[in-house]
N, C-alpha and C. Protein backbone atom coordinates (compact mmCIF):
# COMPACT_ATOMS: atom_id res chain seq x y z
N UNK A 1 19.88 -9.83 -88.71
CA UNK A 1 19.20 -8.47 -89.30
C UNK A 1 20.36 -7.52 -89.84
N UNK A 2 21.16 -7.76 -89.32
CA UNK A 2 22.34 -6.72 -90.12
C UNK A 2 22.80 -7.12 -91.36
N UNK A 3 22.73 -8.33 -91.71
CA UNK A 3 23.03 -8.92 -93.03
C UNK A 3 21.81 -8.50 -93.99
N UNK A 4 20.62 -8.53 -93.43
CA UNK A 4 19.67 -8.26 -94.22
C UNK A 4 19.23 -6.70 -94.55
N UNK A 5 19.79 -5.91 -93.57
CA UNK A 5 19.66 -4.50 -93.75
C UNK A 5 20.87 -4.31 -94.90
N UNK A 6 21.88 -4.66 -94.63
CA UNK A 6 23.19 -4.60 -95.78
C UNK A 6 22.51 -5.04 -97.32
N UNK A 7 22.26 -6.30 -97.14
CA UNK A 7 21.54 -6.83 -98.61
C UNK A 7 20.53 -5.93 -99.24
N UNK A 8 19.61 -5.26 -98.39
CA UNK A 8 18.50 -4.71 -98.90
C UNK A 8 18.94 -3.06 -99.50
N UNK A 9 20.12 -2.45 -98.60
CA UNK A 9 20.61 -1.47 -98.96
C UNK A 9 21.60 -1.45 -100.14
N UNK A 10 21.97 -2.76 -100.34
CA UNK A 10 23.03 -2.81 -101.52
C UNK A 10 21.96 -3.00 -102.79
N UNK A 11 20.75 -3.68 -102.40
CA UNK A 11 20.04 -3.94 -103.61
C UNK A 11 19.50 -2.42 -104.01
N UNK A 12 18.95 -1.70 -103.01
CA UNK A 12 18.37 -0.15 -103.27
C UNK A 12 19.28 0.59 -103.86
N UNK A 13 20.58 0.76 -103.49
CA UNK A 13 21.45 1.65 -103.93
C UNK A 13 22.29 0.95 -105.15
N UNK A 14 22.19 -0.36 -105.53
CA UNK A 14 22.83 -1.03 -106.52
C UNK A 14 24.19 -0.44 -107.05
N UNK A 15 24.07 -0.06 -108.49
CA UNK A 15 25.38 0.24 -108.94
C UNK A 15 26.00 1.55 -108.32
N UNK A 16 25.17 2.39 -107.89
CA UNK A 16 26.12 3.50 -107.19
C UNK A 16 26.64 3.30 -106.03
N UNK A 17 26.59 1.95 -105.39
CA UNK A 17 27.55 1.45 -104.15
C UNK A 17 28.60 1.23 -104.87
N UNK A 18 28.61 0.28 -105.91
CA UNK A 18 29.46 -0.48 -106.42
C UNK A 18 30.06 -0.16 -107.79
N UNK A 19 30.28 1.45 -108.05
CA UNK A 19 30.65 1.77 -109.59
C UNK A 19 31.93 2.24 -109.58
N UNK A 20 32.37 1.51 -110.57
CA UNK A 20 34.10 2.01 -110.66
C UNK A 20 34.15 3.65 -111.14
N UNK A 21 35.17 4.06 -110.25
CA UNK A 21 35.26 5.71 -110.31
C UNK A 21 36.67 6.03 -111.17
N UNK A 22 37.21 5.05 -111.78
CA UNK A 22 38.44 5.62 -112.57
C UNK A 22 38.50 4.55 -113.86
N UNK A 23 39.06 5.06 -114.89
CA UNK A 23 39.07 4.55 -116.17
C UNK A 23 40.43 3.55 -116.05
N UNK A 24 41.15 3.55 -115.02
CA UNK A 24 42.21 2.29 -114.82
C UNK A 24 41.59 1.22 -114.44
N UNK A 25 42.28 -0.09 -115.20
CA UNK A 25 41.75 -1.25 -114.91
C UNK A 25 42.98 -2.12 -114.64
N UNK A 26 43.12 -3.22 -113.83
CA UNK A 26 44.04 -4.45 -113.90
C UNK A 26 43.52 -5.59 -114.82
N UNK A 27 44.77 -6.06 -115.40
CA UNK A 27 44.48 -7.24 -115.97
C UNK A 27 45.17 -7.92 -115.77
N UNK A 28 44.80 -9.38 -115.00
CA UNK A 28 45.70 -10.55 -114.41
C UNK A 28 45.44 -11.59 -115.96
N UNK A 29 46.89 -11.77 -116.07
CA UNK A 29 46.97 -12.80 -117.21
C UNK A 29 47.51 -14.14 -116.47
N UNK A 30 46.68 -15.17 -116.76
CA UNK A 30 46.95 -16.63 -116.14
C UNK A 30 46.87 -17.67 -117.35
N UNK A 31 47.00 -18.83 -117.10
CA UNK A 31 47.22 -20.04 -118.19
C UNK A 31 45.67 -20.32 -118.63
N UNK A 32 44.83 -19.59 -117.71
CA UNK A 32 43.29 -20.05 -117.98
C UNK A 32 42.71 -18.50 -118.78
N UNK A 33 43.49 -17.58 -119.00
CA UNK A 33 42.90 -16.63 -119.60
C UNK A 33 43.03 -15.30 -118.98
N UNK A 34 42.38 -14.56 -119.13
CA UNK A 34 42.73 -12.97 -118.59
C UNK A 34 41.57 -12.51 -117.80
N UNK A 35 41.86 -11.93 -116.60
CA UNK A 35 40.81 -11.51 -115.51
C UNK A 35 40.98 -9.88 -115.48
N UNK A 36 39.91 -9.14 -115.80
CA UNK A 36 39.99 -7.83 -115.97
C UNK A 36 39.37 -7.07 -114.55
N UNK A 37 39.84 -6.33 -113.98
CA UNK A 37 39.45 -5.88 -112.58
C UNK A 37 39.14 -4.45 -112.62
N UNK A 38 37.95 -4.05 -112.27
CA UNK A 38 37.78 -2.15 -112.17
C UNK A 38 37.93 -1.83 -110.67
N UNK A 39 38.36 -0.81 -110.37
CA UNK A 39 38.62 -0.25 -109.19
C UNK A 39 37.61 0.46 -108.53
N UNK A 40 37.45 0.48 -107.29
CA UNK A 40 36.45 1.22 -106.37
C UNK A 40 37.27 2.45 -105.65
N UNK A 41 37.57 3.31 -106.47
CA UNK A 41 38.67 4.37 -106.12
C UNK A 41 38.61 5.30 -104.81
N UNK A 42 36.88 5.66 -104.86
CA UNK A 42 36.32 6.40 -104.04
C UNK A 42 36.36 5.81 -102.60
N UNK A 43 36.20 4.36 -102.80
CA UNK A 43 35.49 3.85 -101.31
C UNK A 43 37.00 3.21 -100.93
N UNK A 44 37.90 2.95 -101.88
CA UNK A 44 39.09 2.41 -101.36
C UNK A 44 40.52 3.15 -101.79
N UNK A 45 40.50 4.55 -101.60
CA UNK A 45 41.52 5.25 -102.45
C UNK A 45 43.07 4.52 -102.11
N UNK A 46 43.38 4.38 -100.64
CA UNK A 46 44.77 3.96 -100.51
C UNK A 46 45.13 2.40 -101.02
N UNK A 47 44.05 1.80 -100.89
CA UNK A 47 44.29 0.22 -101.38
C UNK A 47 44.13 0.27 -102.96
N UNK A 48 43.45 0.53 -103.83
CA UNK A 48 43.65 0.98 -105.08
C UNK A 48 44.86 1.48 -105.45
N UNK A 49 45.49 2.57 -104.95
CA UNK A 49 46.61 3.04 -105.20
C UNK A 49 47.61 2.14 -104.80
N UNK A 50 47.52 1.46 -103.85
CA UNK A 50 48.82 0.52 -103.50
C UNK A 50 48.85 -0.77 -104.61
N UNK A 51 47.82 -1.09 -105.02
CA UNK A 51 47.67 -2.06 -105.72
C UNK A 51 48.15 -1.62 -107.11
N UNK A 52 47.67 -0.52 -107.60
CA UNK A 52 48.13 -0.13 -109.15
C UNK A 52 49.90 0.36 -109.10
N UNK A 53 50.05 0.81 -107.89
CA UNK A 53 51.78 1.08 -107.75
C UNK A 53 52.50 -0.53 -107.79
N UNK A 54 52.00 -1.59 -107.08
CA UNK A 54 52.73 -2.59 -107.00
C UNK A 54 52.38 -3.34 -108.49
N UNK A 55 51.45 -3.22 -109.13
CA UNK A 55 51.48 -3.92 -110.56
C UNK A 55 52.20 -3.04 -111.45
N UNK A 56 52.52 -1.66 -111.47
CA UNK A 56 53.22 -1.15 -112.49
C UNK A 56 54.70 -1.40 -112.34
N UNK A 57 55.10 -1.65 -111.04
CA UNK A 57 56.51 -1.97 -110.41
C UNK A 57 56.42 -3.61 -111.05
N UNK A 58 55.52 -4.30 -111.13
CA UNK A 58 55.86 -5.72 -111.64
C UNK A 58 55.78 -6.92 -110.49
N UNK A 59 55.47 -6.20 -109.27
CA UNK A 59 55.47 -7.05 -108.10
C UNK A 59 54.70 -8.39 -108.21
N UNK A 60 53.51 -7.97 -108.98
CA UNK A 60 52.78 -9.28 -108.73
C UNK A 60 53.29 -10.35 -109.87
N UNK A 61 53.65 -9.80 -110.69
CA UNK A 61 54.24 -10.61 -111.80
C UNK A 61 55.28 -12.08 -111.41
N UNK A 62 54.71 -13.45 -111.78
CA UNK A 62 55.21 -14.67 -111.25
C UNK A 62 54.33 -15.08 -109.94
N UNK A 63 53.81 -14.16 -109.37
CA UNK A 63 53.14 -14.74 -108.03
C UNK A 63 51.97 -15.85 -108.43
N UNK A 64 51.35 -16.29 -107.65
CA UNK A 64 50.49 -17.40 -107.99
C UNK A 64 49.25 -17.31 -107.35
N UNK A 65 48.05 -17.70 -107.71
CA UNK A 65 46.93 -18.18 -106.77
C UNK A 65 47.26 -19.01 -105.84
N UNK A 66 47.49 -18.84 -104.91
CA UNK A 66 48.19 -19.86 -103.76
C UNK A 66 47.10 -20.74 -103.08
N UNK A 67 45.92 -19.99 -102.92
CA UNK A 67 44.94 -20.62 -102.20
C UNK A 67 43.31 -20.50 -103.11
N UNK A 68 42.84 -21.69 -103.25
CA UNK A 68 41.64 -21.71 -103.96
C UNK A 68 40.73 -22.85 -103.10
N UNK A 69 39.58 -22.35 -103.05
CA UNK A 69 38.50 -22.63 -102.12
C UNK A 69 37.39 -22.61 -103.03
N UNK A 70 36.77 -23.94 -103.41
CA UNK A 70 35.29 -23.82 -104.28
C UNK A 70 33.99 -23.54 -103.53
N UNK A 71 33.40 -22.28 -103.78
CA UNK A 71 32.29 -21.89 -103.31
C UNK A 71 32.81 -20.95 -102.25
N UNK A 72 34.03 -20.30 -102.59
CA UNK A 72 34.63 -19.42 -101.73
C UNK A 72 35.11 -18.43 -102.49
N UNK A 73 36.50 -18.39 -102.69
CA UNK A 73 37.52 -17.61 -103.25
C UNK A 73 38.64 -18.18 -103.84
N UNK A 74 39.60 -17.13 -104.61
CA UNK A 74 40.77 -17.45 -104.78
C UNK A 74 41.80 -16.53 -104.51
N UNK A 75 42.51 -16.71 -103.89
CA UNK A 75 43.56 -15.53 -103.22
C UNK A 75 45.30 -15.84 -103.69
N UNK A 76 45.67 -14.50 -104.02
CA UNK A 76 47.10 -14.56 -104.51
C UNK A 76 47.65 -13.44 -104.04
N UNK A 77 48.72 -13.10 -104.67
CA UNK A 77 49.67 -11.78 -104.58
C UNK A 77 50.77 -11.97 -103.65
N UNK A 78 50.93 -13.07 -103.26
CA UNK A 78 52.04 -13.28 -102.36
C UNK A 78 53.71 -13.66 -102.97
N UNK A 79 54.60 -12.74 -102.60
CA UNK A 79 55.70 -13.06 -103.40
C UNK A 79 56.36 -14.13 -102.98
N UNK A 80 56.00 -15.05 -101.82
CA UNK A 80 56.53 -16.11 -101.50
C UNK A 80 55.99 -17.20 -102.36
N UNK A 81 55.11 -17.06 -102.97
CA UNK A 81 54.43 -18.14 -104.13
C UNK A 81 55.43 -18.37 -105.12
N UNK A 82 56.48 -17.40 -105.49
CA UNK A 82 57.15 -17.63 -106.47
C UNK A 82 58.57 -18.74 -106.43
N UNK A 83 58.66 -19.15 -105.10
CA UNK A 83 59.66 -20.25 -104.94
C UNK A 83 58.91 -21.44 -104.78
N UNK A 84 59.94 -22.53 -104.68
CA UNK A 84 59.28 -24.00 -104.49
C UNK A 84 59.09 -24.38 -103.15
N UNK A 85 58.85 -23.75 -102.15
CA UNK A 85 58.62 -24.04 -100.94
C UNK A 85 57.24 -23.60 -100.77
N UNK A 86 56.00 -24.49 -100.84
CA UNK A 86 54.83 -24.30 -100.72
C UNK A 86 54.38 -23.99 -99.32
N UNK A 87 55.11 -24.30 -98.43
CA UNK A 87 54.87 -23.91 -96.94
C UNK A 87 54.70 -22.66 -96.64
N UNK A 88 55.52 -21.87 -97.29
CA UNK A 88 55.64 -20.45 -97.00
C UNK A 88 54.45 -19.88 -97.78
N UNK A 89 53.88 -20.08 -98.71
CA UNK A 89 52.63 -19.57 -99.60
C UNK A 89 51.69 -18.89 -98.88
N UNK A 90 51.27 -17.65 -98.80
CA UNK A 90 50.57 -17.00 -97.98
C UNK A 90 50.94 -16.18 -96.87
N UNK A 91 52.18 -16.19 -96.63
CA UNK A 91 52.98 -15.61 -95.30
C UNK A 91 53.65 -14.36 -95.86
N UNK A 92 53.71 -13.94 -97.17
CA UNK A 92 54.46 -12.79 -97.65
C UNK A 92 53.96 -11.80 -97.82
N UNK A 93 54.74 -10.66 -98.16
CA UNK A 93 53.94 -9.34 -98.48
C UNK A 93 55.16 -8.43 -98.67
N UNK A 94 54.96 -7.17 -99.19
CA UNK A 94 55.98 -6.16 -99.35
C UNK A 94 56.54 -5.91 -98.38
N UNK A 95 56.22 -6.08 -96.86
CA UNK A 95 56.81 -5.58 -95.64
C UNK A 95 56.10 -4.46 -94.89
N UNK A 96 54.83 -4.22 -95.26
CA UNK A 96 53.82 -3.15 -95.01
C UNK A 96 52.55 -3.59 -95.06
N UNK A 97 51.56 -3.10 -94.24
CA UNK A 97 50.17 -3.38 -94.46
C UNK A 97 49.80 -1.77 -94.60
N UNK A 98 48.20 -1.68 -95.34
CA UNK A 98 47.36 -0.72 -95.79
C UNK A 98 46.29 -0.77 -94.80
N UNK A 99 46.09 0.80 -94.47
CA UNK A 99 45.08 1.24 -93.80
C UNK A 99 43.65 0.45 -93.99
N UNK A 100 43.00 0.00 -93.04
CA UNK A 100 41.58 -0.66 -93.56
C UNK A 100 40.74 0.58 -94.21
N UNK A 101 39.94 0.02 -95.07
CA UNK A 101 38.86 0.82 -95.91
C UNK A 101 37.47 -0.23 -96.20
N UNK A 102 36.97 -0.44 -95.17
CA UNK A 102 36.14 -1.67 -95.04
C UNK A 102 34.78 -0.91 -95.17
N UNK A 103 34.03 -1.20 -96.39
CA UNK A 103 32.74 -0.34 -96.54
C UNK A 103 31.65 -1.26 -97.52
N UNK A 104 32.43 -2.06 -98.43
CA UNK A 104 31.70 -2.34 -99.55
C UNK A 104 31.16 -4.07 -99.23
N UNK A 105 30.34 -4.71 -99.78
CA UNK A 105 29.82 -6.11 -99.56
C UNK A 105 30.77 -6.93 -100.51
N UNK A 106 30.90 -8.03 -100.17
CA UNK A 106 31.70 -9.16 -100.52
C UNK A 106 30.90 -10.09 -101.72
N UNK A 107 30.41 -9.25 -102.96
CA UNK A 107 29.28 -10.25 -103.79
C UNK A 107 30.46 -10.98 -104.88
N UNK A 108 29.76 -12.10 -105.47
CA UNK A 108 30.74 -12.46 -106.50
C UNK A 108 31.22 -11.69 -107.34
N UNK A 109 32.52 -11.95 -107.52
CA UNK A 109 33.65 -11.12 -108.53
C UNK A 109 34.00 -9.92 -107.75
N UNK A 110 33.76 -9.51 -106.45
CA UNK A 110 34.46 -8.60 -106.15
C UNK A 110 35.92 -8.81 -105.52
N UNK A 111 36.98 -7.86 -105.65
CA UNK A 111 38.19 -8.32 -105.24
C UNK A 111 38.46 -7.37 -103.88
N UNK A 112 38.88 -7.95 -102.68
CA UNK A 112 39.23 -7.49 -101.57
C UNK A 112 40.66 -8.18 -101.14
N UNK A 113 41.16 -7.24 -100.29
CA UNK A 113 42.36 -7.63 -99.65
C UNK A 113 42.56 -8.63 -98.42
N UNK A 114 43.57 -9.37 -98.22
CA UNK A 114 43.52 -10.20 -97.46
C UNK A 114 44.26 -9.54 -96.22
N UNK A 115 44.07 -10.28 -94.85
CA UNK A 115 44.54 -9.63 -93.92
C UNK A 115 44.99 -10.62 -92.79
N UNK A 116 45.40 -10.19 -91.60
CA UNK A 116 45.88 -11.09 -90.77
C UNK A 116 44.93 -11.05 -89.93
N UNK A 117 44.52 -11.92 -89.01
CA UNK A 117 43.28 -12.01 -88.11
C UNK A 117 43.32 -10.96 -87.07
N UNK A 118 41.88 -10.91 -86.60
CA UNK A 118 41.71 -9.60 -85.52
C UNK A 118 42.68 -9.76 -84.33
N UNK A 119 42.81 -10.88 -83.58
CA UNK A 119 43.76 -11.14 -82.54
C UNK A 119 45.03 -10.79 -82.66
N UNK A 120 45.66 -10.41 -83.88
CA UNK A 120 47.10 -9.91 -83.98
C UNK A 120 47.15 -8.55 -84.97
N UNK A 121 45.53 -8.25 -85.30
CA UNK A 121 45.48 -7.11 -86.36
C UNK A 121 44.30 -6.56 -85.84
N UNK A 122 44.00 -6.02 -84.82
CA UNK A 122 42.36 -5.49 -84.29
C UNK A 122 42.25 -4.21 -85.39
N UNK A 123 43.15 -3.70 -86.02
CA UNK A 123 42.55 -2.23 -86.79
C UNK A 123 42.18 -2.85 -88.38
N UNK A 124 42.49 -4.62 -88.44
CA UNK A 124 41.87 -4.77 -89.76
C UNK A 124 42.82 -4.18 -90.91
N UNK A 125 44.01 -3.82 -90.37
CA UNK A 125 44.72 -3.32 -91.57
C UNK A 125 44.79 -4.58 -92.71
N UNK A 126 45.02 -4.31 -93.96
CA UNK A 126 44.95 -4.92 -95.43
C UNK A 126 46.61 -5.54 -95.27
N UNK A 127 46.30 -6.55 -96.11
CA UNK A 127 48.06 -6.82 -96.67
C UNK A 127 48.75 -6.07 -97.58
N UNK A 128 49.59 -5.98 -97.41
CA UNK A 128 50.27 -5.03 -98.45
C UNK A 128 50.09 -5.35 -99.86
N UNK A 129 49.60 -6.75 -100.03
CA UNK A 129 49.81 -7.43 -101.64
C UNK A 129 48.92 -8.12 -101.92
N UNK A 130 48.33 -9.07 -100.95
CA UNK A 130 47.74 -10.33 -101.10
C UNK A 130 46.13 -9.96 -101.01
N UNK A 131 45.45 -10.43 -102.04
CA UNK A 131 44.05 -10.24 -102.61
C UNK A 131 43.36 -11.37 -102.59
N UNK A 132 42.09 -11.16 -102.82
CA UNK A 132 41.11 -12.27 -102.83
C UNK A 132 40.17 -12.26 -104.05
N UNK A 133 39.54 -12.90 -104.76
CA UNK A 133 38.32 -12.73 -105.55
C UNK A 133 37.44 -13.52 -105.36
N UNK A 134 36.33 -12.99 -105.18
CA UNK A 134 35.01 -13.76 -104.46
C UNK A 134 34.31 -14.49 -105.32
N UNK A 135 33.92 -15.60 -105.24
CA UNK A 135 33.51 -16.57 -106.12
C UNK A 135 31.92 -16.76 -106.11
N UNK A 136 31.66 -16.27 -105.07
CA UNK A 136 29.89 -16.21 -104.72
C UNK A 136 29.99 -14.98 -103.62
N UNK A 137 28.64 -14.70 -103.51
CA UNK A 137 28.39 -13.68 -102.27
C UNK A 137 28.85 -14.13 -100.95
N UNK A 138 29.93 -13.89 -100.19
CA UNK A 138 30.31 -14.20 -98.96
C UNK A 138 30.03 -13.10 -98.07
N UNK A 139 28.65 -13.43 -97.73
CA UNK A 139 28.21 -12.00 -96.71
C UNK A 139 28.77 -12.31 -95.45
N UNK A 140 29.30 -13.40 -95.12
CA UNK A 140 30.03 -13.25 -93.82
C UNK A 140 31.11 -12.61 -93.60
N UNK A 141 31.65 -12.08 -94.74
CA UNK A 141 32.94 -11.37 -94.56
C UNK A 141 32.66 -9.93 -94.44
N UNK A 142 31.33 -9.59 -95.05
CA UNK A 142 31.01 -8.01 -95.05
C UNK A 142 31.36 -7.59 -93.59
N UNK A 143 31.89 -6.13 -93.58
CA UNK A 143 32.55 -5.54 -92.67
C UNK A 143 33.81 -5.66 -92.01
N UNK A 144 34.34 -6.90 -92.76
CA UNK A 144 35.62 -7.40 -92.18
C UNK A 144 36.95 -7.48 -93.20
N UNK A 145 36.72 -6.96 -94.55
CA UNK A 145 38.26 -6.88 -95.08
C UNK A 145 37.62 -5.67 -96.33
N UNK A 146 38.53 -4.99 -96.55
CA UNK A 146 38.23 -3.88 -97.87
C UNK A 146 38.31 -4.52 -99.33
N UNK A 147 37.19 -4.34 -99.67
CA UNK A 147 36.65 -4.66 -101.21
C UNK A 147 37.36 -3.39 -101.97
N UNK A 148 37.97 -3.41 -102.94
CA UNK A 148 38.57 -2.31 -103.71
C UNK A 148 38.28 -2.69 -105.18
N UNK A 149 37.67 -3.83 -105.58
CA UNK A 149 37.39 -4.03 -107.02
C UNK A 149 36.27 -4.77 -107.22
N UNK A 150 36.30 -4.99 -108.84
CA UNK A 150 35.18 -6.21 -109.34
C UNK A 150 35.95 -6.71 -110.44
N UNK A 151 35.49 -7.95 -110.80
CA UNK A 151 35.82 -8.58 -111.82
C UNK A 151 34.64 -8.10 -113.16
N UNK A 152 35.33 -7.37 -114.11
CA UNK A 152 34.41 -6.89 -115.17
C UNK A 152 34.47 -7.99 -116.32
N UNK A 153 35.20 -8.73 -116.60
CA UNK A 153 35.54 -9.72 -117.81
C UNK A 153 36.46 -10.81 -117.08
N UNK A 154 35.81 -11.82 -117.33
CA UNK A 154 37.13 -13.09 -117.02
C UNK A 154 36.56 -13.98 -115.66
N UNK A 155 35.10 -13.93 -115.14
CA UNK A 155 34.71 -14.61 -114.24
C UNK A 155 34.60 -16.08 -114.68
N UNK A 156 34.59 -16.23 -115.77
CA UNK A 156 34.81 -17.75 -116.20
C UNK A 156 36.40 -18.33 -115.89
N UNK A 157 37.10 -17.61 -116.00
CA UNK A 157 38.80 -17.88 -115.56
C UNK A 157 38.79 -17.97 -114.09
N UNK A 158 38.26 -17.17 -113.13
CA UNK A 158 38.12 -17.36 -111.91
C UNK A 158 37.65 -18.69 -111.57
N UNK A 159 36.49 -18.69 -112.13
CA UNK A 159 35.51 -20.37 -111.85
C UNK A 159 36.61 -21.26 -112.30
N UNK A 160 37.62 -21.38 -113.30
CA UNK A 160 38.33 -22.53 -113.81
C UNK A 160 39.26 -22.39 -112.65
N UNK A 161 39.97 -21.49 -112.30
CA UNK A 161 41.25 -21.58 -111.28
C UNK A 161 40.59 -21.79 -109.93
N UNK A 162 39.42 -21.67 -109.70
CA UNK A 162 38.84 -22.21 -107.98
C UNK A 162 38.36 -23.92 -108.01
N UNK A 163 38.62 -24.13 -109.17
CA UNK A 163 38.24 -25.60 -109.35
C UNK A 163 39.36 -26.51 -109.60
N UNK A 164 40.54 -26.01 -109.74
CA UNK A 164 41.69 -26.78 -110.14
C UNK A 164 42.08 -27.58 -108.89
N UNK A 165 42.45 -29.12 -109.06
CA UNK A 165 42.68 -29.77 -107.88
C UNK A 165 43.90 -28.92 -106.98
N UNK A 166 43.64 -29.17 -105.69
CA UNK A 166 44.55 -28.50 -104.71
C UNK A 166 44.93 -29.65 -103.76
N UNK A 167 46.08 -29.25 -103.17
CA UNK A 167 46.52 -30.13 -101.91
C UNK A 167 45.70 -29.75 -100.53
N UNK A 168 46.04 -30.26 -99.44
CA UNK A 168 45.47 -29.93 -98.00
C UNK A 168 45.52 -28.69 -97.79
N UNK A 169 46.10 -27.79 -98.37
CA UNK A 169 46.30 -26.40 -97.73
C UNK A 169 45.61 -25.63 -98.86
N UNK A 170 44.64 -26.03 -99.82
CA UNK A 170 44.01 -25.63 -100.54
C UNK A 170 45.24 -24.81 -101.56
N UNK A 171 46.27 -25.27 -101.75
CA UNK A 171 47.52 -24.69 -102.91
C UNK A 171 46.96 -25.55 -104.23
N UNK A 172 46.84 -24.63 -104.99
CA UNK A 172 46.66 -25.51 -106.26
C UNK A 172 47.80 -26.81 -106.58
N UNK A 173 47.56 -27.80 -107.11
CA UNK A 173 48.69 -28.74 -107.22
C UNK A 173 49.68 -28.17 -108.31
N UNK A 174 49.16 -27.83 -109.49
CA UNK A 174 49.99 -27.22 -110.23
C UNK A 174 49.72 -25.53 -110.20
N UNK A 175 51.08 -24.73 -110.30
CA UNK A 175 50.80 -23.53 -110.06
C UNK A 175 50.01 -22.73 -111.11
N UNK A 176 49.26 -21.59 -110.57
CA UNK A 176 48.50 -20.80 -111.53
C UNK A 176 49.02 -19.58 -111.47
N UNK A 177 50.20 -19.21 -112.16
CA UNK A 177 50.90 -17.64 -112.08
C UNK A 177 50.24 -16.59 -112.72
N UNK A 178 50.28 -15.53 -112.36
CA UNK A 178 49.85 -14.87 -112.74
C UNK A 178 50.71 -13.25 -113.06
N UNK A 179 50.34 -12.57 -114.35
CA UNK A 179 50.87 -11.46 -114.79
C UNK A 179 50.10 -10.33 -114.71
N UNK A 180 50.37 -9.11 -113.94
CA UNK A 180 49.33 -7.97 -113.81
C UNK A 180 49.80 -6.85 -114.20
N UNK A 181 48.82 -6.49 -115.24
CA UNK A 181 49.28 -4.77 -115.72
C UNK A 181 48.27 -3.81 -115.37
N UNK A 182 48.39 -2.88 -115.88
CA UNK A 182 47.06 -1.54 -115.50
C UNK A 182 47.45 -0.87 -116.94
N UNK A 183 45.91 -0.75 -117.42
CA UNK A 183 45.85 -0.23 -118.75
C UNK A 183 44.17 0.47 -118.51
N UNK A 184 43.84 0.92 -119.50
CA UNK A 184 42.42 1.62 -119.56
C UNK A 184 41.54 0.69 -119.98
N UNK A 185 40.14 1.00 -119.26
CA UNK A 185 39.12 0.04 -119.33
C UNK A 185 38.75 -0.37 -120.89
N UNK A 186 39.03 0.72 -121.65
CA UNK A 186 38.62 0.59 -123.24
C UNK A 186 39.77 -0.50 -123.99
N UNK A 187 40.96 -0.40 -123.63
CA UNK A 187 41.99 -1.13 -123.92
C UNK A 187 41.77 -2.43 -123.39
N UNK A 188 41.45 -2.65 -122.14
CA UNK A 188 41.13 -3.95 -121.71
C UNK A 188 40.20 -5.01 -122.11
N UNK A 189 39.08 -4.23 -122.66
CA UNK A 189 37.86 -4.62 -123.03
C UNK A 189 37.72 -4.94 -124.67
N UNK A 190 38.64 -4.79 -125.39
CA UNK A 190 38.63 -4.87 -126.45
C UNK A 190 38.61 -6.33 -127.08
């Protein structure tokens, strides 16, 4: 019933619930093309500010999409993914977490923060740097993770990344590195 109510509320409220509220966007460059992400600053101000800060510092450059699961999501942003030790991918970050700002649904194309499980993180604090992009509406994640943005261009790129061959840990066999920059919406959508 809860899922139905959330779904109906999302349909009724539509864009007003998930409308970007800043002109800044992130551009993630990969070997498959560019992904442009708008931010939901009003719903996740601390998360958005942290992502923008790290991107402007070059923190994400050279990290990879280290976890790809078809019909689910692609995850990246771990500095450990820069090295050749695949076993540590998904365990790193900047050394801090961000307060949970859990409000929005996990629709296709939404961008959310990764986090440690409830057993060690009952406050559901977000990872300081790791994030994932939903490749379908993952309603079972609603109420569990901070959604802070949405892909406005490049879902075809996300779909290519989620389909790459991967190992038993869902890590792509060939690294999918990223370079992340912050720019204006107009500049990114040229």
